[in-house]
């Protein structure tokens, strides 16, 4: 099936944010609200290496983004909506460029929480070793002017509320046409 054959518009939701902010929970809840949808968990494509085959970090990240893009394009071509759960640092413009030849609507949300909330969530799930990295990413993502319009505070909100806000609020629409 080609995208042009689909009666519904092709849609991609890209959910970013630091570790412990709720990306996976929100992405799963978002994907569960749609018919014919796939969920791409970027971390799974980042951590596919076994044995002595693991390339350096930058190469792993680059390959993960190429794979995310290839899988996204494949699912879109077959009529699926796509939800992507992955930290987006400098890759947003590149990713948009990779989809620019498709008739697709891309929604982008950068989840964030207060530092104490992130630390508590990571502590609760036994990931204290990632607190410093999470806070670094939080500050980096929030300071980026490109992310400003797409920031979404997860403090004191249930995943269902966040999903509803992402779906209904056009401020998260990054590219594409109106529905």
Protein backbone atom coordinates (compact mmCIF):
# COMPACT_ATOMS: atom_id res chain seq x y z
CA UNK A 1 0.00 0.00 0.00
CA UNK A 2 1.34 3.43 -0.89
CA UNK A 3 0.77 6.43 1.29
CA UNK A 4 -1.19 8.02 -1.52
CA UNK A 5 -3.62 5.06 -1.44
CA UNK A 6 -4.50 5.63 2.20
CA UNK A 7 -7.75 7.41 3.04
CA UNK A 8 -6.40 8.61 6.37
CA UNK A 9 -3.38 10.85 6.62
CA UNK A 10 -0.08 9.33 7.61
CA UNK A 11 0.82 10.39 11.13
CA UNK A 12 4.00 10.19 13.20
CA UNK A 13 4.21 11.12 16.87
CA UNK A 14 7.75 11.69 18.10
CA UNK A 15 7.92 11.71 21.91
CA UNK A 16 11.16 12.99 23.43
CA UNK A 17 12.39 13.93 26.88
CA UNK A 18 14.95 12.94 29.51
CA UNK A 19 15.16 9.60 31.27
CA UNK A 20 12.42 9.06 33.85
CA UNK A 21 10.03 11.68 32.46
CA UNK A 22 7.44 9.17 31.26
CA UNK A 23 8.25 8.88 27.53
CA UNK A 24 7.61 5.15 27.41
CA UNK A 25 4.42 5.32 29.45
CA UNK A 26 3.00 8.20 27.42
CA UNK A 27 4.12 6.67 24.10
CA UNK A 28 2.45 3.34 24.91
CA UNK A 29 -0.74 5.07 26.05
CA UNK A 30 -0.73 7.22 22.89
CA UNK A 31 -0.23 4.22 20.60
CA UNK A 32 -3.03 2.36 22.39
CA UNK A 33 -5.52 5.12 21.48
CA UNK A 34 -5.11 4.57 17.73
CA UNK A 35 -6.18 2.01 15.20
CA UNK A 36 -3.46 0.47 13.07
CA UNK A 37 -0.54 1.97 14.97
CA UNK A 38 2.99 0.86 15.71
CA UNK A 39 5.24 1.85 18.60
CA UNK A 40 8.94 2.22 17.90
CA UNK A 41 11.02 2.16 21.06
CA UNK A 42 14.27 3.79 19.99
CA UNK A 43 16.23 2.35 22.88
CA UNK A 44 15.63 -1.14 21.52
CA UNK A 45 17.30 -0.13 18.25
CA UNK A 46 20.11 1.56 20.17
CA UNK A 47 20.89 -1.57 22.20
CA UNK A 48 20.77 -4.33 19.56
CA UNK A 49 24.48 -5.13 19.68
CA UNK A 50 25.84 -8.33 21.21
CA UNK A 51 29.34 -9.62 21.83
CA UNK A 52 32.23 -7.49 20.65
CA UNK A 53 30.25 -5.86 17.83
CA UNK A 54 29.17 -2.71 19.68
CA UNK A 55 30.38 0.38 17.83
CA UNK A 56 31.24 3.64 19.62
CA UNK A 57 28.36 5.70 21.07
CA UNK A 58 28.11 8.23 18.21
CA UNK A 59 27.95 5.46 15.61
CA UNK A 60 25.35 3.53 17.63
CA UNK A 61 23.21 6.67 17.89
CA UNK A 62 23.59 7.41 14.17
CA UNK A 63 22.62 3.85 13.23
CA UNK A 64 19.68 3.90 15.66
CA UNK A 65 18.29 7.01 13.94
CA UNK A 66 18.76 5.48 10.49
CA UNK A 67 16.92 2.36 11.68
CA UNK A 68 14.14 4.38 13.33
CA UNK A 69 13.69 6.26 10.07
CA UNK A 70 13.67 3.11 7.93
CA UNK A 71 11.17 1.32 10.19
CA UNK A 72 8.98 4.44 10.35
CA UNK A 73 8.92 4.78 6.56
CA UNK A 74 8.10 1.09 6.16
CA UNK A 75 5.16 1.23 8.56
CA UNK A 76 3.85 4.47 7.01
CA UNK A 77 3.95 2.87 3.56
CA UNK A 78 1.79 0.07 4.90
CA UNK A 79 -0.86 2.36 6.35
CA UNK A 80 0.23 2.42 10.00
CA UNK A 81 0.42 5.43 12.26
CA UNK A 82 3.73 5.54 14.12
CA UNK A 83 4.62 6.56 17.66
CA UNK A 84 8.35 6.91 18.36
CA UNK A 85 9.71 6.88 21.92
CA UNK A 86 13.27 8.21 21.88
CA UNK A 87 15.40 11.08 23.16
CA UNK A 88 15.81 13.70 20.43
CA UNK A 89 18.87 15.89 20.91
CA UNK A 90 20.13 17.35 17.61
CA UNK A 91 18.37 14.92 15.26
CA UNK A 92 15.00 16.63 14.74
CA UNK A 93 15.78 18.57 11.55
CA UNK A 94 17.53 15.55 10.07
CA UNK A 95 14.58 13.27 10.90
CA UNK A 96 12.08 15.72 9.39
CA UNK A 97 14.21 15.84 6.25
CA UNK A 98 14.10 12.05 6.03
CA UNK A 99 10.28 12.15 5.93
CA UNK A 100 9.89 15.28 3.81
CA UNK A 101 9.10 13.34 0.62
CA UNK A 102 6.10 11.69 2.30
CA UNK A 103 2.65 13.15 2.86
CA UNK A 104 2.88 12.86 6.63
CA UNK A 105 1.81 14.87 9.65
CA UNK A 106 4.48 14.88 12.33
CA UNK A 107 3.69 15.68 15.94
CA UNK A 108 6.56 16.36 18.32
CA UNK A 109 6.37 16.57 22.10
CA UNK A 110 9.26 17.10 24.50
CA UNK A 111 8.22 15.87 27.93
CA UNK A 112 9.83 17.38 30.99
CA UNK A 113 9.42 17.30 34.75
CA UNK A 114 10.91 19.18 37.65
CA UNK A 115 14.37 17.93 38.74
CA UNK A 116 13.05 16.53 42.04
CA UNK A 117 10.36 14.62 40.17
CA UNK A 118 12.86 13.07 37.76
CA UNK A 119 15.20 12.09 40.58
CA UNK A 120 12.33 10.53 42.57
CA UNK A 121 11.05 8.57 39.55
CA UNK A 122 14.50 7.24 38.68
CA UNK A 123 15.18 6.38 42.33
CA UNK A 124 11.83 4.58 42.58
CA UNK A 125 12.62 2.36 39.60
CA UNK A 126 16.19 1.66 40.79
CA UNK A 127 17.95 3.80 38.17
CA UNK A 128 19.75 6.24 40.45
CA UNK A 129 22.87 6.00 38.25
CA UNK A 130 20.96 7.87 35.50
CA UNK A 131 19.83 10.87 37.55
CA UNK A 132 22.74 13.09 36.51
CA UNK A 133 22.30 12.19 32.82
CA UNK A 134 18.54 12.78 33.04
CA UNK A 135 18.99 16.22 34.59
CA UNK A 136 21.62 17.10 31.97
CA UNK A 137 19.24 16.08 29.15
CA UNK A 138 16.32 17.90 30.79
CA UNK A 139 18.26 21.16 30.90
CA UNK A 140 19.62 20.71 27.37
CA UNK A 141 16.21 19.93 25.86
CA UNK A 142 14.47 22.75 27.71
CA UNK A 143 17.16 25.28 26.74
CA UNK A 144 16.89 24.50 23.03
CA UNK A 145 14.90 27.26 21.26
CA UNK A 146 13.68 24.66 18.73
CA UNK A 147 12.00 22.69 21.53
CA UNK A 148 10.27 25.66 23.19
CA UNK A 149 6.87 25.33 21.48
CA UNK A 150 6.81 21.57 22.05
CA UNK A 151 7.57 21.38 25.78
CA UNK A 152 5.02 19.52 27.88
CA UNK A 153 5.25 19.33 31.68
CA UNK A 154 4.45 15.85 33.02
CA UNK A 155 4.33 16.86 36.68
CA UNK A 156 0.94 16.21 38.28
CA UNK A 157 -0.56 14.85 35.03
CA UNK A 158 -1.66 11.32 34.29
CA UNK A 159 -0.45 9.71 31.05
CA UNK A 160 -4.02 9.82 29.66
CA UNK A 161 -4.15 13.59 30.17
CA UNK A 162 -0.82 14.04 28.40
CA UNK A 163 -1.94 11.86 25.49
CA UNK A 164 -5.14 13.86 25.11
CA UNK A 165 -3.17 17.11 25.10
CA UNK A 166 -0.70 15.86 22.46
CA UNK A 167 -3.48 14.61 20.17
CA UNK A 168 -5.79 17.61 20.45
CA UNK A 169 -3.31 20.48 20.59
CA UNK A 170 -1.99 21.70 17.23
CA UNK A 171 1.02 23.29 18.93
CA UNK A 172 2.64 19.84 18.80
CA UNK A 173 2.22 19.65 15.02
CA UNK A 174 5.66 20.11 13.56
CA UNK A 175 5.01 19.51 9.88
CA UNK A 176 2.23 18.37 7.64
CA UNK A 177 -1.25 19.47 6.79
CA UNK A 178 -4.30 20.02 8.96
CA UNK A 179 -6.51 17.08 9.72
